Amino acid sequence: MLTGLSIRDVVLIDRLELSFGAGLTVLTGETGAGKSILLDSLGLALGARADGGLVRAGAAQASVSAVFAPAAGHPAHALLVEQGIEAEDQIVLRRVLGADGRSRAFVNDQPVGVALLRRLGELLIELQGQHEQMGLADPARQAVLLDAYGVPPPLARAVEAAWHGWRAAADAHRAARAAVEAADREEEYLRHAVAELEKLSPEPAEEDRLAAERTALQHADRHAQALAAALAELAPRDRRGPGPAAALRSAARALDRLGNAMPQVGAVAEAIGRAEEALAEAETMLSRLVVDAEADPRRLEQTEERLFDLRAAARKHAVPAASLPELLVELRARLVALDTASADLAARAAAEVTARAEYLRVAEALSAARQAASGRLARAVAKELAPLRLDKARFVAEVARLPEPGWSARGADQVRFLIAANPGQEPGPLARVASGGELSRLMLALKVVLVRGSTVPSLIFDEVDSGIGGATAAAVGERLARVAEAVQVLVVTHSPQVAARGTAHLLVAKQVQRGAAETRVVALDLAARREEIARMLAGEAITDAARAAAAELLG
């Protein structure tokens, strides 16, 4: 409920701090005292359109804070969490308005957009006035109110569940159809790509293995060339010269011709012989190494061709070469899906038809329940109209079937609250009745009947008693008190019969301070209440008879 209202520099208000409690709070005061300023100020905190003209003359800015204490689990808490604002026991809506018409909005001291203030305001308080109706007059809420009044909650939940089930089945069907259409478009590509990759038959980690083998083969070719060059130096097969072996043999023969003429030559001859043997052994070993290391040009060519084919396929499909085996598996699966997609599509279509039929079944049950509830609601409202001097008015809760595009989780109906204010008049939307006073009393009658189904904890009625008096005003007061047993009610009134019903009474008065008019609000005790109600009964000259009548009303 609304627990506090703080106003700074709004029109005739300098500084004002108000506290509110549960039950029925009445606000009275002479015409022009500033009651409408209070409502305009509250509207500012609730996200109403800002007007720089509300800023008090001489002030740079105006500010209004409205403090609410909604019950645990109230939808306002969920909205705050959704917006990333920590939910607290109290919700403070604040608006700061500059004289230039620019405004800033805050929720629990965090800056927000004005739209969020408006959304929170709609959840926390309803205003029923002669010229502005919110809550009950909103067509979007009328189905919710009718359901809360007379539809079993399990039925409404079943419709919501069936709707979501149907939407899920429709989405799955749509996705399956899109998949089949996409697969049909790429079937030729899939078959060609699978055939190409199957022919290539890539293996896991094959690129790394081939690259290593290619490097090894390239190195082997260079090794073989070095060994062959070394062997050619030892045993040349061209015209470069006799080679070291032939030179050693020639030297040995030259020494042999010396015979025994020089004893030292024998040692030299032995050394040359050993050199010849070592050279022959080296030549033999080199010859074997050349044979073993001889490169296979065809093998290197095959390895490079395979490696280049893998890399070309990877570039074509925009994947790493190592992912080609997985790509082949994926493309094969998509080809298999082509064969099963038609059967899956048919199953999805059948599931959607079944889900739609289930939704229609429970939606029709909900429609029947709403039709029955609408009749009971109309009869209950009719009982409230006569005491409010609306005995000629006719209330209708219309339940009409919507075309399929309008179906939703709330069912397949459009619920509208209609009123015919006079005999022979066709019922029309609540907001279109001719008289503002009639509309306010119609709203009161509806609230009396529907208050238990509302999640809005606070109501404001602005001059709901306009143009009435006597027994009718008493009936209005009695019904406001009944509504206030369930929710907090604030009422701006000129009727003593209504004012006497309040559990709290605030007097709005205009005073002249330092040559300037200011609006003040005073909480009245019992004696002051009797005096104010006597004034409302008698006018400026309060008589003892008026005081006695006021005491009787309060009693």
Protein backbone atom coordinates (compact mmCIF):
# COMPACT_ATOMS: atom_id res chain seq x y z
CA MET A 1 0.00 0.00 0.00
CA LEU A 2 0.95 3.66 -0.20
CA THR A 3 2.65 4.58 3.08
CA GLY A 4 4.08 8.02 2.41
CA LEU A 5 4.09 10.95 0.02
CA SER A 6 6.75 13.67 0.05
CA ILE A 7 6.23 16.80 -2.06
CA ARG A 8 8.65 19.68 -2.63
CA ASP A 9 7.91 22.89 -4.57
CA VAL A 10 4.86 21.76 -6.56
CA VAL A 11 2.53 24.66 -7.47
CA LEU A 12 1.20 25.89 -4.08
CA ILE A 13 3.05 23.28 -2.02
CA ASP A 14 6.36 24.28 -0.44
CA ARG A 15 7.15 21.21 1.63
CA LEU A 16 4.70 18.48 2.52
CA GLU A 17 5.15 15.10 4.20
CA LEU A 18 2.14 12.77 4.34
CA SER A 19 1.73 9.34 5.91
CA PHE A 20 -1.00 6.87 5.03
CA GLY A 21 -2.29 3.73 6.66
CA ALA A 22 -4.60 0.88 5.79
CA GLY A 23 -8.34 1.28 5.46
CA LEU A 24 -10.21 4.31 4.12
CA THR A 25 -8.44 7.69 4.14
CA VAL A 26 -10.60 10.68 3.20
CA LEU A 27 -9.26 14.01 1.95
CA THR A 28 -11.55 17.00 2.26
CA GLY A 29 -11.23 20.74 1.86
CA GLU A 30 -12.81 23.69 0.15
CA THR A 31 -12.75 23.97 -3.61
CA GLY A 32 -9.40 25.33 -4.77
CA ALA A 33 -7.58 24.31 -1.61
CA GLY A 34 -5.20 22.10 -3.56
CA LYS A 35 -6.63 18.57 -3.52
CA SER A 36 -6.02 18.24 -7.25
CA ILE A 37 -2.40 19.34 -6.68
CA LEU A 38 -1.92 16.36 -4.39
CA LEU A 39 -3.20 14.01 -7.08
CA ASP A 40 -1.09 15.70 -9.76
CA SER A 41 1.95 15.33 -7.52
CA LEU A 42 1.29 11.65 -6.94
CA GLY A 43 0.75 11.20 -10.67
CA LEU A 44 4.17 12.73 -11.29
CA ALA A 45 5.79 10.09 -9.06
CA LEU A 46 3.79 7.40 -10.88
CA GLY A 47 5.21 8.38 -14.28
CA ALA A 48 2.56 10.81 -15.53
CA ARG A 49 3.50 13.33 -18.19
CA ALA A 50 5.70 16.06 -16.75
CA ASP A 51 4.80 19.74 -17.11
CA GLY A 52 7.20 22.48 -16.04
CA GLY A 53 4.16 24.48 -14.92
CA LEU A 54 3.92 22.25 -11.85
CA VAL A 55 7.13 23.74 -10.43
CA ARG A 56 6.35 26.32 -7.75
CA ALA A 57 7.06 29.89 -8.81
CA GLY A 58 10.60 30.89 -7.90
CA ALA A 59 11.82 27.30 -7.45
CA ALA A 60 14.37 25.67 -9.75
CA GLN A 61 12.81 22.24 -9.54
CA ALA A 62 10.05 20.19 -7.95
CA SER A 63 10.31 16.70 -6.52
CA VAL A 64 7.82 14.07 -5.42
CA SER A 65 8.50 10.76 -3.66
CA ALA A 66 5.86 8.07 -3.16
CA VAL A 67 6.66 5.24 -0.74
CA PHE A 68 4.92 1.87 -1.12
CA ALA A 69 5.07 -1.25 1.03
CA PRO A 70 3.70 -4.06 -1.16
CA ALA A 71 3.18 -7.52 0.28
CA ALA A 72 5.76 -10.26 -0.24
CA GLY A 73 5.39 -11.85 -3.65
CA HIS A 74 3.72 -8.80 -5.19
CA PRO A 75 4.36 -8.50 -8.96
CA ALA A 76 6.18 -5.19 -8.37
CA HIS A 77 9.02 -7.07 -6.69
CA ALA A 78 9.43 -9.35 -9.70
CA LEU A 79 9.50 -6.32 -12.01
CA LEU A 80 12.28 -4.73 -9.97
CA VAL A 81 14.35 -7.93 -10.11
CA GLU A 82 13.76 -8.12 -13.86
CA GLN A 83 15.15 -4.59 -14.16
CA GLY A 84 18.22 -5.40 -12.08
CA ILE A 85 17.06 -3.42 -9.03
CA GLU A 86 17.36 -5.10 -5.67
CA ALA A 87 13.92 -5.78 -4.21
CA GLU A 88 13.42 -4.25 -0.77
CA ASP A 89 10.51 -4.15 1.67
CA GLN A 90 9.70 -0.62 0.51
CA ILE A 91 9.55 0.70 -3.03
CA VAL A 92 10.24 4.42 -3.38
CA LEU A 93 9.23 6.10 -6.63
CA ARG A 94 10.75 9.56 -7.03
CA ARG A 95 10.49 12.15 -9.77
CA VAL A 96 12.46 15.37 -10.04
CA LEU A 97 11.00 17.99 -12.43
CA GLY A 98 12.88 21.07 -13.60
CA ALA A 99 11.23 24.35 -14.47
CA ASP A 100 12.22 23.69 -18.09
CA GLY A 101 9.98 20.61 -18.14
CA ARG A 102 12.79 18.07 -18.06
CA SER A 103 12.50 15.35 -15.45
CA ARG A 104 14.49 12.55 -13.89
CA ALA A 105 13.07 9.34 -12.42
CA PHE A 106 14.36 7.14 -9.60
CA VAL A 107 13.34 3.85 -8.01
CA ASN A 108 14.89 3.18 -4.61
CA ASP A 109 17.37 5.96 -5.44
CA GLN A 110 18.50 4.29 -8.65
CA PRO A 111 17.98 6.31 -11.85
CA VAL A 112 15.46 4.71 -14.21
CA GLY A 113 13.31 5.62 -17.19
CA VAL A 114 9.90 7.17 -16.69
CA ALA A 115 8.35 4.13 -18.39
CA LEU A 116 9.44 1.96 -15.46
CA LEU A 117 7.81 4.37 -12.99
CA ARG A 118 4.63 4.06 -15.00
CA ARG A 119 4.76 0.25 -15.04
CA LEU A 120 5.36 0.10 -11.31
CA GLY A 121 2.62 2.64 -10.68
CA GLU A 122 0.12 0.52 -12.57
CA LEU A 123 0.97 -2.43 -10.32
CA LEU A 124 0.86 -0.48 -7.06
CA ILE A 125 -2.09 1.93 -7.27
CA GLU A 126 -5.24 2.62 -9.28
CA LEU A 127 -6.81 6.02 -9.86
CA GLN A 128 -10.54 6.24 -10.43
CA GLY A 129 -11.51 9.81 -11.26
CA GLN A 130 -14.10 11.72 -13.21
CA HIS A 131 -11.73 12.41 -16.07
CA GLU A 132 -9.11 9.66 -15.80
CA GLN A 133 -9.80 5.99 -15.24
CA MET A 134 -7.11 3.39 -14.78
CA GLY A 135 -7.19 -0.26 -13.81
CA LEU A 136 -10.77 -1.46 -14.30
CA ALA A 137 -11.20 0.58 -17.46
CA ASP A 138 -8.12 -1.02 -19.04
CA PRO A 139 -9.40 -3.68 -21.50
CA ALA A 140 -6.19 -5.67 -21.07
CA ARG A 141 -7.02 -6.28 -17.38
CA GLN A 142 -10.70 -7.06 -17.68
CA ALA A 143 -10.19 -10.72 -18.63
CA VAL A 144 -7.88 -11.12 -15.64
CA LEU A 145 -10.48 -9.59 -13.33
CA LEU A 146 -13.30 -11.74 -14.71
CA ASP A 147 -11.18 -14.86 -14.32
CA ALA A 148 -10.29 -13.91 -10.75
CA TYR A 149 -13.97 -13.35 -10.01
CA GLY A 150 -15.46 -16.55 -11.35
CA VAL A 151 -13.11 -18.91 -13.21
CA PRO A 152 -11.45 -21.89 -11.46
CA PRO A 153 -7.68 -21.15 -11.32
CA PRO A 154 -6.72 -24.68 -12.48
CA LEU A 155 -8.66 -24.08 -15.71
CA ALA A 156 -6.85 -20.82 -16.42
CA ARG A 157 -3.51 -22.52 -15.70
CA ALA A 158 -4.42 -25.43 -18.01
CA VAL A 159 -5.11 -22.97 -20.84
CA GLU A 160 -1.77 -21.25 -20.27
CA ALA A 161 0.06 -24.60 -20.23
CA ALA A 162 -1.74 -25.77 -23.38
CA TRP A 163 -0.88 -22.51 -25.13
CA HIS A 164 2.82 -22.90 -24.37
CA GLY A 165 2.68 -26.54 -25.42
CA TRP A 166 1.05 -25.58 -28.71
CA ARG A 167 3.60 -22.81 -29.31
CA ALA A 168 6.46 -25.23 -28.60
CA ALA A 169 5.00 -27.80 -31.01
CA ALA A 170 4.46 -25.14 -33.68
CA ASP A 171 8.04 -23.91 -33.26
CA ALA A 172 9.36 -27.46 -33.57
CA HIS A 173 7.26 -28.03 -36.70
CA ARG A 174 8.45 -24.78 -38.21
CA ALA A 175 12.08 -25.64 -37.43
CA ALA A 176 11.71 -29.12 -38.95
CA ARG A 177 10.13 -27.68 -42.09
CA ALA A 178 12.92 -25.12 -42.42
CA ALA A 179 15.51 -27.88 -41.94
CA VAL A 180 13.94 -29.99 -44.68
CA GLU A 181 13.77 -27.04 -47.05
CA ALA A 182 17.39 -26.18 -46.35
CA ALA A 183 18.42 -29.81 -46.80
CA ASP A 184 16.60 -30.03 -50.09
CA ARG A 185 18.47 -26.99 -51.32
CA GLU A 186 21.84 -28.46 -50.41
CA GLU A 187 21.23 -32.12 -51.25
CA GLU A 188 23.28 -32.03 -54.46
CA TYR A 189 26.13 -30.30 -52.64
CA LEU A 190 26.01 -32.83 -49.80
CA ARG A 191 26.14 -35.83 -52.08
CA HIS A 192 29.00 -34.36 -54.10
CA ALA A 193 30.95 -33.37 -50.96
CA VAL A 194 30.47 -36.78 -49.33
CA ALA A 195 31.56 -38.61 -52.50
CA GLU A 196 34.61 -36.36 -52.79
CA LEU A 197 35.64 -36.82 -49.16
CA GLU A 198 34.97 -40.57 -49.25
CA LYS A 199 37.28 -40.83 -52.26
CA LEU A 200 39.91 -38.81 -50.40
CA SER A 201 39.27 -40.88 -47.25
CA PRO A 202 41.04 -38.57 -44.79
CA GLU A 203 42.44 -40.10 -41.63
CA PRO A 204 42.88 -38.55 -38.19
CA ALA A 205 46.18 -36.64 -37.81
CA GLU A 206 47.09 -37.59 -41.39
CA GLU A 207 48.29 -34.11 -42.32
CA ASP A 208 50.86 -34.04 -39.51
CA ARG A 209 52.10 -37.52 -40.44
CA LEU A 210 52.44 -36.68 -44.13
CA ALA A 211 54.21 -33.40 -43.41
CA ALA A 212 56.74 -35.20 -41.22
CA GLU A 213 57.25 -37.91 -43.85
CA ARG A 214 57.71 -35.30 -46.57
CA THR A 215 60.36 -33.53 -44.50
CA ALA A 216 62.15 -36.82 -43.86
CA LEU A 217 62.11 -37.73 -47.56
CA GLN A 218 63.46 -34.32 -48.51
CA HIS A 219 66.28 -34.72 -45.98
CA ALA A 220 67.07 -38.24 -47.26
CA ASP A 221 67.53 -36.93 -50.78
CA ARG A 222 70.06 -34.38 -49.58
CA HIS A 223 71.90 -37.06 -47.54
CA ALA A 224 72.15 -39.36 -50.56
CA GLN A 225 73.58 -36.55 -52.64
CA ALA A 226 76.30 -35.86 -50.02
CA LEU A 227 77.26 -39.56 -49.78
CA ALA A 228 77.45 -39.91 -53.55
CA ALA A 229 79.72 -36.87 -53.75
CA ALA A 230 82.06 -38.35 -51.14
CA LEU A 231 82.19 -41.67 -53.00
CA ALA A 232 82.93 -39.88 -56.23
CA GLU A 233 85.95 -38.26 -54.61
CA LEU A 234 87.29 -41.67 -53.50
CA ALA A 235 86.52 -43.51 -56.74
CA PRO A 236 85.92 -41.02 -59.52
CA ARG A 237 84.21 -42.29 -62.61
CA ASP A 238 84.96 -39.35 -64.82
CA ARG A 239 88.02 -37.53 -66.15
CA ARG A 240 88.78 -35.49 -63.07
CA GLY A 241 91.82 -37.61 -62.23
CA PRO A 242 92.97 -41.01 -61.06
CA GLY A 243 91.60 -40.62 -57.55
CA PRO A 244 93.33 -41.39 -54.23
CA ALA A 245 93.28 -45.17 -54.62
CA ALA A 246 95.09 -45.04 -57.99
CA ALA A 247 97.56 -42.54 -56.56
CA LEU A 248 98.39 -44.87 -53.68
CA ARG A 249 98.89 -47.77 -56.05
CA SER A 250 101.19 -45.69 -58.29
CA ALA A 251 103.24 -44.66 -55.24
CA ALA A 252 103.53 -48.29 -54.09
CA ARG A 253 104.82 -49.36 -57.54
CA ALA A 254 107.38 -46.56 -57.59
CA LEU A 255 108.73 -47.70 -54.24
CA ASP A 256 108.86 -51.32 -55.39
CA ARG A 257 111.33 -50.31 -58.10
CA LEU A 258 113.78 -49.24 -55.41
CA GLY A 259 113.94 -52.79 -54.13
CA ASN A 260 116.25 -53.06 -51.10
CA ALA A 261 118.38 -50.09 -52.03
CA MET A 262 116.89 -48.06 -49.18
CA PRO A 263 115.95 -50.02 -46.05
CA GLN A 264 113.70 -47.13 -44.82
CA VAL A 265 111.38 -47.53 -47.87
CA GLY A 266 109.88 -50.66 -46.39
CA ALA A 267 108.18 -48.76 -43.59
CA VAL A 268 106.80 -46.28 -46.11
CA ALA A 269 105.50 -49.10 -48.28
CA GLU A 270 103.79 -50.67 -45.28
CA ALA A 271 102.10 -47.36 -44.45
CA ILE A 272 100.90 -46.96 -48.05
CA GLY A 273 99.54 -50.50 -47.91
CA ARG A 274 97.59 -49.74 -44.78
CA ALA A 275 96.27 -46.58 -46.40
CA GLU A 276 95.18 -48.57 -49.44
CA GLU A 277 93.29 -51.02 -47.22
CA ALA A 278 91.61 -48.24 -45.25
CA LEU A 279 90.65 -46.43 -48.42
CA ALA A 280 89.19 -49.61 -49.90
CA GLU A 281 87.23 -50.20 -46.70
CA ALA A 282 85.93 -46.60 -46.74
CA GLU A 283 84.91 -46.94 -50.37
CA THR A 284 83.07 -50.15 -49.62
CA MET A 285 81.23 -48.57 -46.67
CA LEU A 286 80.33 -45.46 -48.67
CA SER A 287 79.04 -47.60 -51.51
CA ARG A 288 76.73 -49.42 -49.11
CA LEU A 289 75.51 -46.15 -47.54
CA VAL A 290 74.79 -44.70 -50.97
CA VAL A 291 72.71 -47.75 -51.83
CA ASP A 292 70.84 -47.60 -48.48
CA ALA A 293 70.21 -43.83 -48.59
CA GLU A 294 69.21 -43.67 -52.22
CA ALA A 295 66.03 -41.47 -52.29
CA ASP A 296 62.73 -42.70 -53.75
CA PRO A 297 61.55 -39.75 -55.88
CA ARG A 298 58.18 -41.46 -56.50
CA ARG A 299 57.54 -41.83 -52.78
CA LEU A 300 58.25 -38.15 -52.16
CA GLU A 301 55.99 -37.21 -55.07
CA GLN A 302 53.16 -39.40 -53.76
CA THR A 303 53.52 -38.00 -50.26
CA GLU A 304 53.39 -34.42 -51.50
CA GLU A 305 50.40 -35.11 -53.76
CA ARG A 306 48.45 -36.61 -50.84
CA LEU A 307 49.38 -33.75 -48.52
CA PHE A 308 48.39 -31.13 -51.09
CA ASP A 309 45.05 -32.92 -51.75
CA LEU A 310 44.21 -32.88 -48.02
CA ARG A 311 45.04 -29.21 -47.70
CA ALA A 312 43.06 -28.30 -50.82
CA ALA A 313 39.97 -30.12 -49.44
CA ALA A 314 40.41 -28.31 -46.10
CA ARG A 315 40.50 -24.93 -47.84
CA LYS A 316 37.45 -25.81 -49.92
CA HIS A 317 35.37 -26.69 -46.86
CA ALA A 318 36.92 -23.95 -44.68
CA VAL A 319 38.02 -26.35 -41.95
CA PRO A 320 41.41 -27.47 -40.68
CA ALA A 321 42.75 -30.55 -42.48
CA ALA A 322 42.63 -32.42 -39.16
CA SER A 323 38.83 -31.86 -39.08
CA LEU A 324 38.14 -33.46 -42.45
CA PRO A 325 37.26 -36.89 -40.95
CA GLU A 326 34.74 -35.25 -38.58
CA LEU A 327 33.34 -33.20 -41.47
CA LEU A 328 32.79 -36.38 -43.46
CA VAL A 329 30.88 -37.89 -40.53
CA GLU A 330 28.76 -34.73 -40.22
CA LEU A 331 27.95 -34.57 -43.94
CA ARG A 332 27.01 -38.26 -43.95
CA ALA A 333 24.68 -37.60 -40.99
CA ARG A 334 23.05 -34.73 -42.85
CA LEU A 335 22.52 -36.98 -45.83
CA VAL A 336 20.92 -39.57 -43.58
CA ALA A 337 18.75 -36.81 -42.13
CA LEU A 338 17.48 -36.09 -45.63
CA ASP A 339 16.04 -39.57 -45.74
CA THR A 340 14.41 -39.29 -42.30
CA ALA A 341 13.44 -35.61 -42.42
CA SER A 342 10.15 -36.21 -44.21
CA ALA A 343 9.02 -38.68 -41.58
CA ASP A 344 10.14 -36.32 -38.79
CA LEU A 345 8.36 -33.40 -40.45
CA ALA A 346 5.14 -35.39 -40.60
CA ALA A 347 5.49 -36.29 -36.91
CA ARG A 348 6.08 -32.64 -35.98
CA ALA A 349 3.05 -31.55 -37.99
CA ALA A 350 0.90 -34.17 -36.27
CA ALA A 351 2.20 -33.05 -32.87
CA GLU A 352 1.25 -29.44 -33.65
CA VAL A 353 -2.25 -30.48 -34.69
CA THR A 354 -2.65 -32.45 -31.47
CA ALA A 355 -1.36 -29.55 -29.34
CA ARG A 356 -3.68 -27.11 -31.08
CA ALA A 357 -6.64 -29.39 -30.48
CA GLU A 358 -5.74 -29.63 -26.79
CA TYR A 359 -5.50 -25.84 -26.55
CA LEU A 360 -8.88 -25.45 -28.21
CA ARG A 361 -10.41 -28.00 -25.85
CA VAL A 362 -9.32 -26.21 -22.67
CA ALA A 363 -9.85 -22.75 -24.24
CA GLU A 364 -13.46 -23.65 -25.00
CA ALA A 365 -13.88 -24.84 -21.43
CA LEU A 366 -12.44 -21.51 -20.25
CA SER A 367 -14.83 -19.63 -22.57
CA ALA A 368 -17.79 -21.51 -21.11
CA ALA A 369 -16.59 -20.73 -17.57
CA ARG A 370 -16.18 -17.07 -18.50
CA GLN A 371 -19.66 -16.92 -19.99
CA ALA A 372 -21.10 -18.28 -16.77
CA ALA A 373 -18.95 -15.95 -14.66
CA SER A 374 -19.93 -12.95 -16.78
CA GLY A 375 -23.59 -13.53 -15.99
CA ARG A 376 -22.91 -13.82 -12.28
CA LEU A 377 -20.73 -10.70 -12.38
CA ALA A 378 -23.41 -8.70 -14.20
CA ARG A 379 -26.01 -9.69 -11.61
CA ALA A 380 -23.66 -8.85 -8.71
CA VAL A 381 -22.85 -5.43 -10.17
CA ALA A 382 -26.53 -4.73 -10.85
CA LYS A 383 -27.23 -5.13 -7.12
CA GLU A 384 -24.70 -2.43 -6.38
CA LEU A 385 -25.95 0.06 -8.99
CA ALA A 386 -29.36 0.93 -7.62
CA PRO A 387 -28.16 2.30 -4.23
CA LEU A 388 -25.65 4.42 -6.17
CA ARG A 389 -28.47 6.10 -8.12
CA LEU A 390 -27.59 4.09 -11.21
CA ASP A 391 -30.66 1.87 -11.21
CA LYS A 392 -31.26 2.57 -14.90
CA ALA A 393 -27.71 1.61 -15.89
CA ARG A 394 -26.92 -1.84 -17.28
CA PHE A 395 -23.56 -3.56 -16.91
CA VAL A 396 -22.45 -6.27 -19.35
CA ALA A 397 -19.32 -8.44 -19.17
CA GLU A 398 -19.00 -9.37 -22.84
CA VAL A 399 -17.10 -12.55 -23.75
CA ALA A 400 -16.45 -12.70 -27.51
CA ARG A 401 -14.46 -15.26 -29.49
CA LEU A 402 -11.31 -13.83 -31.10
CA PRO A 403 -9.94 -14.84 -34.51
CA GLU A 404 -6.99 -17.23 -34.24
CA PRO A 405 -4.28 -14.54 -34.51
CA GLY A 406 -5.68 -13.05 -31.30
CA TRP A 407 -5.48 -16.25 -29.23
CA SER A 408 -3.03 -16.24 -26.35
CA ALA A 409 -2.09 -17.90 -23.09
CA ARG A 410 -5.18 -16.22 -21.59
CA GLY A 411 -7.50 -17.99 -23.97
CA ALA A 412 -9.36 -17.40 -27.22
CA ASP A 413 -11.71 -14.70 -25.91
CA GLN A 414 -11.89 -10.96 -25.71
CA VAL A 415 -13.44 -9.81 -22.44
CA ARG A 416 -14.90 -6.31 -22.31
CA PHE A 417 -16.77 -4.55 -19.52
CA LEU A 418 -19.58 -2.51 -21.11
CA ILE A 419 -22.06 -0.06 -19.64
CA ALA A 420 -25.35 1.34 -20.87
CA ALA A 421 -25.97 4.34 -18.63
CA ASN A 422 -29.54 4.93 -19.81
CA PRO A 423 -32.44 2.77 -21.02
CA GLY A 424 -32.38 2.11 -24.76
CA GLN A 425 -28.67 2.87 -24.97
CA GLU A 426 -26.34 0.28 -26.42
CA PRO A 427 -23.67 -0.84 -23.95
CA GLY A 428 -20.28 0.71 -24.63
CA PRO A 429 -16.80 0.70 -23.11
CA LEU A 430 -16.59 2.00 -19.56
CA ALA A 431 -14.58 5.08 -20.46
CA ARG A 432 -17.23 6.31 -22.93
CA VAL A 433 -20.18 6.86 -20.60
CA ALA A 434 -21.38 10.46 -20.68
CA SER A 435 -21.07 11.53 -17.05
CA GLY A 436 -17.82 11.56 -15.12
CA GLY A 437 -19.69 11.17 -11.83
CA GLU A 438 -21.64 8.21 -13.17
CA LEU A 439 -18.44 6.62 -14.39
CA SER A 440 -16.80 6.99 -10.98
CA ARG A 441 -19.77 5.36 -9.24
CA LEU A 442 -19.83 2.58 -11.84
CA MET A 443 -16.18 1.96 -11.09
CA LEU A 444 -16.97 1.87 -7.37
CA ALA A 445 -19.71 -0.70 -7.93
CA LEU A 446 -17.30 -2.83 -9.95
CA LYS A 447 -14.62 -2.49 -7.29
CA VAL A 448 -16.99 -3.64 -4.59
CA VAL A 449 -17.60 -6.84 -6.53
CA LEU A 450 -14.11 -7.38 -7.98
CA VAL A 451 -11.80 -6.10 -5.25
CA ARG A 452 -10.91 -9.60 -4.05
CA GLY A 453 -9.48 -10.47 -7.47
CA SER A 454 -7.26 -7.39 -7.78
CA THR A 455 -3.51 -7.45 -7.14
CA VAL A 456 -3.34 -3.64 -6.85
CA PRO A 457 -3.09 -2.84 -3.14
CA SER A 458 -4.16 0.84 -3.25
CA LEU A 459 -7.07 2.71 -4.82
CA ILE A 460 -7.73 6.42 -5.21
CA PHE A 461 -11.21 7.75 -5.91
CA ASP A 462 -11.36 11.39 -6.98
CA GLU A 463 -14.74 12.93 -6.17
CA VAL A 464 -16.66 9.69 -6.69
CA ASP A 465 -19.56 11.43 -4.92
CA SER A 466 -19.80 14.30 -7.43
CA GLY A 467 -23.38 15.47 -7.98
CA ILE A 468 -24.98 13.24 -5.35
CA GLY A 469 -26.05 13.57 -1.74
CA GLY A 470 -28.25 12.09 0.93
CA ALA A 471 -28.86 8.35 0.74
CA THR A 472 -26.81 7.99 -2.43
CA ALA A 473 -23.76 9.59 -0.84
CA ALA A 474 -24.25 7.35 2.19
CA ALA A 475 -24.34 4.33 -0.12
CA VAL A 476 -21.11 5.49 -1.76
CA GLY A 477 -19.46 5.87 1.64
CA GLU A 478 -20.65 2.46 2.78
CA ARG A 479 -19.23 0.80 -0.36
CA LEU A 480 -15.94 2.64 -0.11
CA ALA A 481 -15.63 1.32 3.44
CA ARG A 482 -16.35 -2.22 2.21
CA VAL A 483 -13.67 -1.96 -0.45
CA ALA A 484 -11.26 -0.57 2.15
CA GLU A 485 -11.62 -3.79 4.13
CA ALA A 486 -9.65 -5.54 1.39
CA VAL A 487 -7.35 -2.83 0.00
CA GLN A 488 -6.15 0.63 0.95
CA VAL A 489 -8.52 3.35 -0.31
CA LEU A 490 -7.92 7.10 -0.57
CA VAL A 491 -10.88 9.25 -1.56
CA VAL A 492 -11.12 12.95 -2.36
CA THR A 493 -14.62 13.92 -1.35
CA HIS A 494 -17.02 16.81 -0.79
CA SER A 495 -19.63 14.56 0.81
CA PRO A 496 -19.94 14.52 4.61
CA GLN A 497 -21.52 11.06 4.42
CA VAL A 498 -18.39 9.74 2.69
CA ALA A 499 -16.00 11.69 4.92
CA ALA A 500 -17.60 10.23 8.03
CA ARG A 501 -16.73 6.70 6.85
CA GLY A 502 -12.98 7.30 6.87
CA THR A 503 -10.63 5.59 9.26
CA ALA A 504 -8.30 8.57 8.72
CA HIS A 505 -9.17 12.13 7.71
CA LEU A 506 -6.84 14.63 6.03
CA LEU A 507 -7.87 18.26 5.61
CA VAL A 508 -6.45 20.11 2.63
CA ALA A 509 -6.41 23.87 3.19
CA LYS A 510 -4.90 26.91 1.50
CA GLN A 511 -3.18 29.47 3.70
CA VAL A 512 -1.45 32.77 2.99
CA GLN A 513 2.07 32.86 4.36
CA ARG A 514 4.34 35.89 3.86
CA GLY A 515 2.02 37.18 1.15
CA ALA A 516 1.95 33.90 -0.80
CA ALA A 517 -0.68 31.17 -0.88
CA GLU A 518 0.42 27.72 0.27
CA THR A 519 -1.41 24.39 0.43
CA ARG A 520 -1.28 22.61 3.78
CA VAL A 521 -2.54 19.15 4.76
CA VAL A 522 -3.52 18.40 8.37
CA ALA A 523 -4.44 15.04 9.90
CA LEU A 524 -7.63 15.59 11.91
CA ASP A 525 -8.43 14.10 15.31
CA LEU A 526 -11.99 13.19 16.25
CA ALA A 527 -12.98 16.67 17.39
CA ALA A 528 -11.48 18.31 14.32
CA ARG A 529 -13.17 15.74 12.11
CA ARG A 530 -16.55 16.60 13.63
CA GLU A 531 -15.92 20.29 12.97
CA GLU A 532 -14.86 19.66 9.34
CA ILE A 533 -17.87 17.43 8.63
CA ALA A 534 -20.13 20.05 10.22
CA ARG A 535 -18.60 22.61 7.83
CA MET A 536 -19.30 20.29 4.92
CA LEU A 537 -22.91 19.99 6.08
CA ALA A 538 -23.62 23.64 6.89
CA GLY A 539 -21.15 25.70 4.89
CA GLU A 540 -19.21 28.65 6.36
CA ALA A 541 -21.60 29.24 9.29
CA ILE A 542 -21.30 26.10 11.37
CA THR A 543 -24.30 25.58 13.63
CA ASP A 544 -24.84 23.38 16.63
CA ALA A 545 -27.30 21.39 14.56
CA ALA A 546 -24.57 20.78 11.98
CA ARG A 547 -22.18 19.66 14.72
CA ALA A 548 -24.84 17.31 16.08
CA ALA A 549 -25.45 15.90 12.61
CA ALA A 550 -21.72 15.48 12.13
CA ALA A 551 -21.43 13.64 15.44
CA GLU A 552 -24.30 11.37 14.39
CA LEU A 553 -22.57 10.59 11.08
CA LEU A 554 -19.32 9.84 12.86
CA GLY A 555 -21.16 7.68 15.37
